[in-house]
Amino acid sequence: MGETLVQLGFIVLLVMAASVVVALAGLALLFRSIRNIRVPPDADFFTTMHFVPLILVVLLDLLDLGLDVFAAPISWIALDRMGLRGLRNKAAIEALIPFTGPIPTFTIAWILARLLNLGEPLRQPYARSRPARSSLQSPPLETPVQRRSPQIIDVDPYDREWE
């Protein structure tokens, strides 16, 4: 009986460690693409859920599974750096509630937000950080555009590193 409990405890710790590693690696890989999502500053929880991809909420649930209450500061900092302040408080509160780790609450909320159309209607200007390549239009500029030197050839009119 005692040996079975030790094996079960080892398996649980192994699953928790694997979920933490996968969650942290996934959040690190998603950081740049999630940061490019422009969520309206006044968006509530369910409206923000319409903007984020499913993989982000799955990774947050994996982080909560692996760290339980210790996931709160990590999820707070990660979501704050990604600019998802509408999810930040809820992720911290959900992570602080003990024993909710095995329940994928954020994944369930993401599915409910989409199935039941919860939250405010999506506003298209916030959907992308840049216009699509097929509809390239000059952005409205308040100051005159500085021209690049003739030695530099670049077809991206939105690349502003040279300014």
N, C-alpha and C. Protein backbone atom coordinates (compact mmCIF):
# COMPACT_ATOMS: atom_id res chain seq x y z
N MET A 1 0.82 -1.20 0.00
CA MET A 1 0.00 0.00 0.00
C MET A 1 0.86 1.26 0.00
N GLY A 2 1.89 1.29 0.84
CA GLY A 2 2.76 2.45 0.94
C GLY A 2 3.55 2.68 -0.34
N GLU A 3 3.98 1.59 -0.98
CA GLU A 3 4.73 1.71 -2.22
C GLU A 3 3.85 2.26 -3.35
N THR A 4 2.59 1.89 -3.34
CA THR A 4 1.66 2.39 -4.35
C THR A 4 1.45 3.88 -4.19
N LEU A 5 1.34 4.36 -2.95
CA LEU A 5 1.19 5.79 -2.71
C LEU A 5 2.43 6.57 -3.14
N VAL A 6 3.59 6.01 -2.91
CA VAL A 6 4.83 6.67 -3.33
C VAL A 6 4.88 6.76 -4.85
N GLN A 7 4.50 5.70 -5.54
CA GLN A 7 4.48 5.72 -7.00
C GLN A 7 3.45 6.72 -7.52
N LEU A 8 2.29 6.75 -6.89
CA LEU A 8 1.26 7.71 -7.30
C LEU A 8 1.73 9.14 -7.07
N GLY A 9 2.38 9.39 -5.93
CA GLY A 9 2.91 10.73 -5.66
C GLY A 9 3.98 11.12 -6.65
N PHE A 10 4.83 10.17 -7.04
CA PHE A 10 5.86 10.45 -8.03
C PHE A 10 5.24 10.78 -9.38
N ILE A 11 4.21 10.07 -9.77
CA ILE A 11 3.53 10.32 -11.04
C ILE A 11 2.87 11.70 -11.02
N VAL A 12 2.23 12.04 -9.91
CA VAL A 12 1.59 13.36 -9.81
C VAL A 12 2.63 14.47 -9.89
N LEU A 13 3.76 14.31 -9.20
CA LEU A 13 4.82 15.33 -9.27
C LEU A 13 5.41 15.41 -10.67
N LEU A 14 5.53 14.29 -11.35
CA LEU A 14 6.05 14.29 -12.71
C LEU A 14 5.11 15.02 -13.66
N VAL A 15 3.80 14.80 -13.51
CA VAL A 15 2.81 15.49 -14.35
C VAL A 15 2.83 16.98 -14.06
N MET A 16 2.93 17.36 -12.77
CA MET A 16 2.98 18.77 -12.42
C MET A 16 4.22 19.44 -12.99
N ALA A 17 5.36 18.79 -12.89
CA ALA A 17 6.61 19.36 -13.42
C ALA A 17 6.54 19.50 -14.94
N ALA A 18 6.01 18.48 -15.59
CA ALA A 18 5.90 18.54 -17.05
C ALA A 18 4.95 19.66 -17.49
N SER A 19 3.85 19.84 -16.77
CA SER A 19 2.92 20.89 -17.15
C SER A 19 3.52 22.28 -16.94
N VAL A 20 4.33 22.45 -15.90
CA VAL A 20 5.00 23.74 -15.68
C VAL A 20 6.01 24.02 -16.79
N VAL A 21 6.78 23.02 -17.16
CA VAL A 21 7.78 23.21 -18.22
C VAL A 21 7.10 23.54 -19.54
N VAL A 22 6.05 22.81 -19.88
CA VAL A 22 5.34 23.06 -21.13
C VAL A 22 4.70 24.45 -21.11
N ALA A 23 4.09 24.82 -19.97
CA ALA A 23 3.42 26.13 -19.87
C ALA A 23 4.41 27.28 -20.00
N LEU A 24 5.53 27.20 -19.29
CA LEU A 24 6.51 28.29 -19.35
C LEU A 24 7.16 28.39 -20.73
N ALA A 25 7.46 27.24 -21.34
CA ALA A 25 8.05 27.26 -22.68
C ALA A 25 7.04 27.81 -23.69
N GLY A 26 5.79 27.40 -23.57
CA GLY A 26 4.76 27.89 -24.49
C GLY A 26 4.51 29.37 -24.33
N LEU A 27 4.47 29.85 -23.09
CA LEU A 27 4.27 31.28 -22.87
C LEU A 27 5.44 32.09 -23.43
N ALA A 28 6.64 31.56 -23.28
CA ALA A 28 7.81 32.26 -23.82
C ALA A 28 7.75 32.31 -25.35
N LEU A 29 7.31 31.23 -25.97
CA LEU A 29 7.22 31.21 -27.43
C LEU A 29 6.08 32.09 -27.95
N LEU A 30 5.00 32.19 -27.19
CA LEU A 30 3.84 32.98 -27.62
C LEU A 30 3.96 34.47 -27.29
N PHE A 31 4.94 34.83 -26.50
CA PHE A 31 5.00 36.19 -25.96
C PHE A 31 4.90 37.26 -27.04
N ARG A 32 5.69 37.15 -28.09
CA ARG A 32 5.71 38.19 -29.12
C ARG A 32 4.41 38.24 -29.90
N SER A 33 3.87 37.09 -30.28
CA SER A 33 2.64 37.10 -31.08
C SER A 33 1.44 37.55 -30.25
N ILE A 34 1.41 37.20 -28.98
CA ILE A 34 0.30 37.65 -28.13
C ILE A 34 0.42 39.14 -27.86
N ARG A 35 1.63 39.63 -27.74
CA ARG A 35 1.83 41.05 -27.47
C ARG A 35 1.37 41.92 -28.63
N ASN A 36 1.35 41.37 -29.86
CA ASN A 36 0.90 42.12 -31.02
C ASN A 36 -0.61 42.23 -31.11
N ILE A 37 -1.33 41.48 -30.30
CA ILE A 37 -2.79 41.56 -30.31
C ILE A 37 -3.20 42.85 -29.60
N ARG A 38 -4.02 43.63 -30.25
CA ARG A 38 -4.46 44.89 -29.66
C ARG A 38 -5.86 44.72 -29.09
N VAL A 39 -5.94 44.61 -27.79
CA VAL A 39 -7.21 44.48 -27.09
C VAL A 39 -7.63 45.87 -26.64
N PRO A 40 -8.90 46.24 -26.80
CA PRO A 40 -9.34 47.56 -26.34
C PRO A 40 -9.05 47.73 -24.84
N PRO A 41 -8.64 48.90 -24.43
CA PRO A 41 -8.28 49.09 -23.02
C PRO A 41 -9.45 48.92 -22.06
N ASP A 42 -10.68 49.11 -22.53
CA ASP A 42 -11.84 48.97 -21.65
C ASP A 42 -12.52 47.61 -21.78
N ALA A 43 -11.83 46.63 -22.36
CA ALA A 43 -12.42 45.31 -22.59
C ALA A 43 -12.57 44.55 -21.27
N ASP A 44 -13.72 43.89 -21.13
CA ASP A 44 -13.93 43.07 -19.95
C ASP A 44 -13.34 41.68 -20.17
N PHE A 45 -13.58 40.78 -19.23
CA PHE A 45 -12.97 39.45 -19.28
C PHE A 45 -13.39 38.68 -20.53
N PHE A 46 -14.69 38.58 -20.78
CA PHE A 46 -15.16 37.78 -21.90
C PHE A 46 -14.85 38.42 -23.25
N THR A 47 -14.82 39.73 -23.30
CA THR A 47 -14.41 40.39 -24.54
C THR A 47 -12.95 40.10 -24.84
N THR A 48 -12.11 40.12 -23.82
CA THR A 48 -10.70 39.80 -23.99
C THR A 48 -10.53 38.35 -24.44
N MET A 49 -11.41 37.48 -23.95
CA MET A 49 -11.34 36.06 -24.35
C MET A 49 -11.56 35.88 -25.85
N HIS A 50 -12.30 36.79 -26.47
CA HIS A 50 -12.51 36.71 -27.91
C HIS A 50 -11.23 37.04 -28.70
N PHE A 51 -10.34 37.79 -28.10
CA PHE A 51 -9.12 38.22 -28.79
C PHE A 51 -7.97 37.23 -28.65
N VAL A 52 -7.92 36.50 -27.54
CA VAL A 52 -6.77 35.62 -27.29
C VAL A 52 -6.98 34.26 -27.93
N PRO A 53 -5.89 33.61 -28.35
CA PRO A 53 -6.02 32.27 -28.94
C PRO A 53 -6.22 31.21 -27.86
N LEU A 54 -6.73 30.08 -28.26
CA LEU A 54 -7.00 28.98 -27.34
C LEU A 54 -5.72 28.49 -26.67
N ILE A 55 -4.61 28.48 -27.37
CA ILE A 55 -3.37 27.96 -26.81
C ILE A 55 -2.94 28.75 -25.58
N LEU A 56 -3.21 30.04 -25.54
CA LEU A 56 -2.83 30.85 -24.37
C LEU A 56 -3.60 30.41 -23.14
N VAL A 57 -4.90 30.21 -23.26
CA VAL A 57 -5.69 29.82 -22.08
C VAL A 57 -5.36 28.40 -21.65
N VAL A 58 -5.02 27.53 -22.60
CA VAL A 58 -4.59 26.17 -22.25
C VAL A 58 -3.28 26.22 -21.48
N LEU A 59 -2.35 27.08 -21.92
CA LEU A 59 -1.08 27.21 -21.21
C LEU A 59 -1.27 27.79 -19.81
N LEU A 60 -2.19 28.73 -19.65
CA LEU A 60 -2.47 29.26 -18.31
C LEU A 60 -3.07 28.18 -17.41
N ASP A 61 -3.92 27.33 -17.96
CA ASP A 61 -4.48 26.23 -17.18
C ASP A 61 -3.40 25.21 -16.82
N LEU A 62 -2.46 24.95 -17.73
CA LEU A 62 -1.35 24.04 -17.42
C LEU A 62 -0.46 24.61 -16.32
N LEU A 63 -0.24 25.92 -16.36
CA LEU A 63 0.55 26.56 -15.32
C LEU A 63 -0.14 26.44 -13.97
N ASP A 64 -1.45 26.61 -13.95
CA ASP A 64 -2.21 26.47 -12.72
C ASP A 64 -2.22 25.03 -12.24
N LEU A 65 -2.24 24.08 -13.15
CA LEU A 65 -2.19 22.67 -12.77
C LEU A 65 -0.87 22.33 -12.11
N GLY A 66 0.21 22.84 -12.66
CA GLY A 66 1.53 22.50 -12.14
C GLY A 66 1.92 23.23 -10.87
N LEU A 67 1.52 24.47 -10.74
CA LEU A 67 1.97 25.27 -9.60
C LEU A 67 0.88 25.60 -8.58
N ASP A 68 -0.36 25.36 -8.91
CA ASP A 68 -1.52 25.65 -8.07
C ASP A 68 -1.48 27.12 -7.62
N VAL A 69 -1.41 27.41 -6.33
CA VAL A 69 -1.48 28.80 -5.87
C VAL A 69 -0.23 29.60 -6.21
N PHE A 70 0.88 28.93 -6.50
CA PHE A 70 2.12 29.62 -6.84
C PHE A 70 2.13 30.12 -8.28
N ALA A 71 1.11 29.78 -9.04
CA ALA A 71 1.01 30.26 -10.43
C ALA A 71 0.52 31.69 -10.50
N ALA A 72 -0.05 32.22 -9.43
CA ALA A 72 -0.63 33.57 -9.44
C ALA A 72 0.38 34.65 -9.83
N PRO A 73 1.55 34.74 -9.21
CA PRO A 73 2.47 35.82 -9.62
C PRO A 73 3.02 35.64 -11.03
N ILE A 74 3.24 34.40 -11.43
CA ILE A 74 3.77 34.17 -12.78
C ILE A 74 2.74 34.56 -13.83
N SER A 75 1.49 34.14 -13.63
CA SER A 75 0.45 34.49 -14.60
C SER A 75 0.18 35.99 -14.60
N TRP A 76 0.25 36.62 -13.43
CA TRP A 76 0.04 38.07 -13.34
C TRP A 76 1.09 38.81 -14.17
N ILE A 77 2.35 38.46 -13.96
CA ILE A 77 3.44 39.14 -14.67
C ILE A 77 3.38 38.84 -16.17
N ALA A 78 3.15 37.58 -16.53
CA ALA A 78 3.11 37.22 -17.95
C ALA A 78 1.98 37.94 -18.68
N LEU A 79 0.80 37.97 -18.10
CA LEU A 79 -0.34 38.63 -18.75
C LEU A 79 -0.17 40.15 -18.77
N ASP A 80 0.47 40.69 -17.75
CA ASP A 80 0.71 42.13 -17.74
C ASP A 80 1.70 42.51 -18.84
N ARG A 81 2.76 41.73 -19.01
CA ARG A 81 3.75 42.02 -20.05
C ARG A 81 3.19 41.81 -21.44
N MET A 82 2.19 40.92 -21.57
CA MET A 82 1.56 40.69 -22.87
C MET A 82 0.49 41.73 -23.18
N GLY A 83 0.17 42.57 -22.21
CA GLY A 83 -0.83 43.61 -22.42
C GLY A 83 -2.26 43.12 -22.27
N LEU A 84 -2.46 42.02 -21.59
CA LEU A 84 -3.80 41.46 -21.40
C LEU A 84 -4.26 41.71 -19.97
N ARG A 85 -4.50 42.96 -19.67
CA ARG A 85 -4.87 43.32 -18.31
C ARG A 85 -6.28 42.87 -17.94
N GLY A 86 -7.11 42.60 -18.93
CA GLY A 86 -8.46 42.10 -18.67
C GLY A 86 -8.44 40.67 -18.14
N LEU A 87 -7.38 39.94 -18.40
CA LEU A 87 -7.26 38.57 -17.91
C LEU A 87 -6.38 38.47 -16.67
N ARG A 88 -5.59 39.48 -16.44
CA ARG A 88 -4.59 39.44 -15.37
C ARG A 88 -5.20 39.19 -14.00
N ASN A 89 -6.18 39.97 -13.61
CA ASN A 89 -6.78 39.83 -12.28
C ASN A 89 -7.49 38.49 -12.13
N LYS A 90 -8.22 38.08 -13.17
CA LYS A 90 -8.96 36.83 -13.08
C LYS A 90 -8.02 35.64 -13.00
N ALA A 91 -6.90 35.69 -13.71
CA ALA A 91 -5.94 34.59 -13.65
C ALA A 91 -5.31 34.49 -12.26
N ALA A 92 -5.02 35.62 -11.66
CA ALA A 92 -4.43 35.61 -10.33
C ALA A 92 -5.43 35.09 -9.29
N ILE A 93 -6.67 35.54 -9.38
CA ILE A 93 -7.69 35.07 -8.43
C ILE A 93 -7.93 33.57 -8.61
N GLU A 94 -8.03 33.13 -9.86
CA GLU A 94 -8.27 31.71 -10.12
C GLU A 94 -7.10 30.87 -9.63
N ALA A 95 -5.88 31.36 -9.78
CA ALA A 95 -4.71 30.61 -9.33
C ALA A 95 -4.62 30.57 -7.81
N LEU A 96 -5.12 31.61 -7.15
CA LEU A 96 -5.05 31.63 -5.68
C LEU A 96 -6.08 30.72 -5.01
N ILE A 97 -7.10 30.32 -5.74
CA ILE A 97 -8.09 29.40 -5.16
C ILE A 97 -7.47 28.00 -5.20
N PRO A 98 -7.28 27.40 -4.03
CA PRO A 98 -6.61 26.09 -4.02
C PRO A 98 -7.50 24.99 -4.62
N PHE A 99 -6.86 24.00 -5.13
CA PHE A 99 -7.49 22.78 -5.66
C PHE A 99 -8.30 23.00 -6.93
N THR A 100 -8.13 24.12 -7.61
CA THR A 100 -8.79 24.30 -8.91
C THR A 100 -7.84 23.98 -10.05
N GLY A 101 -6.65 23.53 -9.74
CA GLY A 101 -5.66 23.22 -10.75
C GLY A 101 -6.13 22.21 -11.79
N PRO A 102 -6.74 21.10 -11.38
CA PRO A 102 -7.17 20.11 -12.39
C PRO A 102 -8.35 20.57 -13.25
N ILE A 103 -9.04 21.63 -12.85
CA ILE A 103 -10.19 22.12 -13.62
C ILE A 103 -9.68 23.19 -14.59
N PRO A 104 -9.83 22.98 -15.89
CA PRO A 104 -9.35 23.98 -16.86
C PRO A 104 -10.32 25.16 -16.98
N THR A 105 -10.32 26.02 -15.98
CA THR A 105 -11.32 27.09 -15.90
C THR A 105 -11.18 28.10 -17.03
N PHE A 106 -9.96 28.46 -17.40
CA PHE A 106 -9.80 29.44 -18.48
C PHE A 106 -10.19 28.85 -19.83
N THR A 107 -9.92 27.59 -20.04
CA THR A 107 -10.33 26.95 -21.29
C THR A 107 -11.85 26.89 -21.37
N ILE A 108 -12.49 26.57 -20.27
CA ILE A 108 -13.96 26.54 -20.23
C ILE A 108 -14.52 27.94 -20.48
N ALA A 109 -13.91 28.95 -19.87
CA ALA A 109 -14.38 30.33 -20.07
C ALA A 109 -14.18 30.76 -21.52
N TRP A 110 -13.08 30.36 -22.15
CA TRP A 110 -12.83 30.70 -23.55
C TRP A 110 -13.89 30.08 -24.45
N ILE A 111 -14.22 28.82 -24.20
CA ILE A 111 -15.24 28.13 -24.99
C ILE A 111 -16.61 28.76 -24.77
N LEU A 112 -16.94 29.06 -23.52
CA LEU A 112 -18.23 29.70 -23.23
C LEU A 112 -18.34 31.08 -23.86
N ALA A 113 -17.26 31.84 -23.84
CA ALA A 113 -17.28 33.18 -24.43
C ALA A 113 -17.58 33.11 -25.92
N ARG A 114 -17.08 32.09 -26.58
CA ARG A 114 -17.31 31.96 -28.02
C ARG A 114 -18.64 31.30 -28.36
N LEU A 115 -19.03 30.28 -27.59
CA LEU A 115 -20.29 29.60 -27.89
C LEU A 115 -21.50 30.45 -27.55
N LEU A 116 -21.45 31.11 -26.39
CA LEU A 116 -22.59 31.91 -25.93
C LEU A 116 -22.49 33.37 -26.32
N ASN A 117 -21.42 33.73 -27.04
CA ASN A 117 -21.19 35.10 -27.49
C ASN A 117 -21.23 36.08 -26.32
N LEU A 118 -20.51 35.73 -25.26
CA LEU A 118 -20.44 36.59 -24.08
C LEU A 118 -19.45 37.73 -24.33
N GLY A 119 -19.66 38.82 -23.67
CA GLY A 119 -18.78 39.98 -23.83
C GLY A 119 -19.32 40.94 -24.87
N GLU A 120 -18.61 42.03 -25.05
CA GLU A 120 -19.00 43.05 -26.02
C GLU A 120 -18.70 42.57 -27.43
N PRO A 121 -19.42 43.10 -28.42
CA PRO A 121 -19.09 42.72 -29.80
C PRO A 121 -17.67 43.15 -30.16
N LEU A 122 -17.04 42.36 -31.00
CA LEU A 122 -15.66 42.67 -31.40
C LEU A 122 -15.61 43.92 -32.24
N ARG A 123 -14.61 44.71 -31.99
CA ARG A 123 -14.39 45.92 -32.79
C ARG A 123 -13.22 45.64 -33.72
N GLN A 124 -13.45 45.74 -35.00
CA GLN A 124 -12.47 45.35 -36.00
C GLN A 124 -11.16 46.13 -35.95
N PRO A 125 -11.13 47.44 -35.67
CA PRO A 125 -9.83 48.13 -35.67
C PRO A 125 -8.84 47.56 -34.66
N TYR A 126 -9.34 46.89 -33.63
CA TYR A 126 -8.44 46.34 -32.63
C TYR A 126 -8.02 44.92 -32.93
N ALA A 127 -8.56 44.32 -33.97
CA ALA A 127 -8.30 42.92 -34.23
C ALA A 127 -6.86 42.65 -34.62
N ARG A 128 -6.20 43.56 -35.31
CA ARG A 128 -4.82 43.36 -35.73
C ARG A 128 -4.00 44.59 -35.39
N SER A 129 -2.74 44.37 -35.18
CA SER A 129 -1.88 45.51 -34.88
C SER A 129 -1.44 46.23 -36.15
N ARG A 130 -1.45 45.54 -37.30
CA ARG A 130 -1.07 46.12 -38.58
C ARG A 130 -2.11 45.73 -39.61
N PRO A 131 -2.30 46.51 -40.63
CA PRO A 131 -3.23 46.11 -41.68
C PRO A 131 -2.71 44.90 -42.42
N ALA A 132 -3.62 44.17 -43.02
CA ALA A 132 -3.24 42.99 -43.79
C ALA A 132 -2.39 43.42 -44.99
N ARG A 133 -1.55 42.52 -45.46
CA ARG A 133 -0.65 42.83 -46.57
C ARG A 133 -1.42 43.13 -47.85
N SER A 134 -2.59 42.53 -48.01
CA SER A 134 -3.34 42.74 -49.24
C SER A 134 -3.94 44.14 -49.33
N SER A 135 -4.12 44.79 -48.20
CA SER A 135 -4.73 46.12 -48.22
C SER A 135 -3.75 47.16 -47.68
N LEU A 136 -2.57 47.22 -48.26
CA LEU A 136 -1.58 48.19 -47.79
C LEU A 136 -2.02 49.60 -48.13
N GLN A 137 -2.15 50.37 -47.11
CA GLN A 137 -2.49 51.77 -47.28
C GLN A 137 -1.51 52.57 -46.43
N SER A 138 -1.26 53.75 -46.85
CA SER A 138 -0.36 54.59 -46.07
C SER A 138 -1.03 54.98 -44.77
N PRO A 139 -0.32 54.83 -43.66
CA PRO A 139 -0.91 55.24 -42.39
C PRO A 139 -1.00 56.76 -42.33
N PRO A 140 -1.98 57.28 -41.62
CA PRO A 140 -2.05 58.73 -41.51
C PRO A 140 -0.87 59.25 -40.69
N LEU A 141 -0.13 60.15 -41.27
CA LEU A 141 1.05 60.69 -40.61
C LEU A 141 0.84 62.16 -40.29
N GLU A 142 1.29 62.54 -39.12
CA GLU A 142 1.17 63.94 -38.72
C GLU A 142 2.41 64.72 -39.12
N THR A 143 3.52 64.05 -39.26
CA THR A 143 4.76 64.72 -39.64
C THR A 143 5.19 64.19 -41.00
N PRO A 144 5.99 64.95 -41.74
CA PRO A 144 6.45 64.46 -43.04
C PRO A 144 7.30 63.21 -42.88
N VAL A 145 7.24 62.35 -43.87
CA VAL A 145 7.98 61.10 -43.85
C VAL A 145 9.42 61.37 -44.25
N GLN A 146 10.34 60.84 -43.45
CA GLN A 146 11.75 60.95 -43.81
C GLN A 146 12.06 59.84 -44.79
N ARG A 147 12.72 60.17 -45.85
CA ARG A 147 13.06 59.19 -46.88
C ARG A 147 14.34 58.46 -46.51
N ARG A 148 14.40 57.20 -46.87
CA ARG A 148 15.60 56.41 -46.66
C ARG A 148 16.64 56.76 -47.72
N SER A 149 17.87 56.46 -47.38
CA SER A 149 18.91 56.66 -48.36
C SER A 149 18.74 55.64 -49.49
N PRO A 150 19.20 55.94 -50.71
CA PRO A 150 18.98 55.04 -51.85
C PRO A 150 19.66 53.68 -51.72
N GLN A 151 20.61 53.51 -50.80
CA GLN A 151 21.28 52.23 -50.66
C GLN A 151 20.40 51.19 -49.97
N ILE A 152 19.41 51.61 -49.22
CA ILE A 152 18.55 50.69 -48.48
C ILE A 152 17.31 50.40 -49.31
N ILE A 153 17.08 49.13 -49.58
CA ILE A 153 15.89 48.71 -50.32
C ILE A 153 15.04 47.86 -49.40
N ASP A 154 13.84 48.31 -49.16
CA ASP A 154 12.93 47.58 -48.29
C ASP A 154 11.52 47.83 -48.78
N VAL A 155 10.69 46.78 -48.84
CA VAL A 155 9.34 46.92 -49.36
C VAL A 155 8.30 47.08 -48.26
N ASP A 156 8.72 47.09 -47.01
CA ASP A 156 7.77 47.20 -45.91
C ASP A 156 7.60 48.67 -45.54
N PRO A 157 6.48 49.31 -45.92
CA PRO A 157 6.30 50.73 -45.62
C PRO A 157 6.01 50.99 -44.15
N TYR A 158 5.72 49.93 -43.37
CA TYR A 158 5.39 50.12 -41.96
C TYR A 158 6.58 49.88 -41.04
N ASP A 159 7.72 49.56 -41.61
CA ASP A 159 8.91 49.35 -40.82
C ASP A 159 9.49 50.73 -40.48
N ARG A 160 9.44 51.08 -39.23
CA ARG A 160 9.84 52.42 -38.82
C ARG A 160 11.17 52.44 -38.08
N GLU A 161 12.01 51.42 -38.23
CA GLU A 161 13.27 51.39 -37.51
C GLU A 161 14.21 52.50 -37.94
N TRP A 162 14.08 52.97 -39.15
CA TRP A 162 15.00 53.97 -39.69
C TRP A 162 14.65 55.37 -39.25
N GLU A 163 13.52 55.58 -38.65
CA GLU A 163 13.14 56.93 -38.23
C GLU A 163 13.86 57.32 -36.98
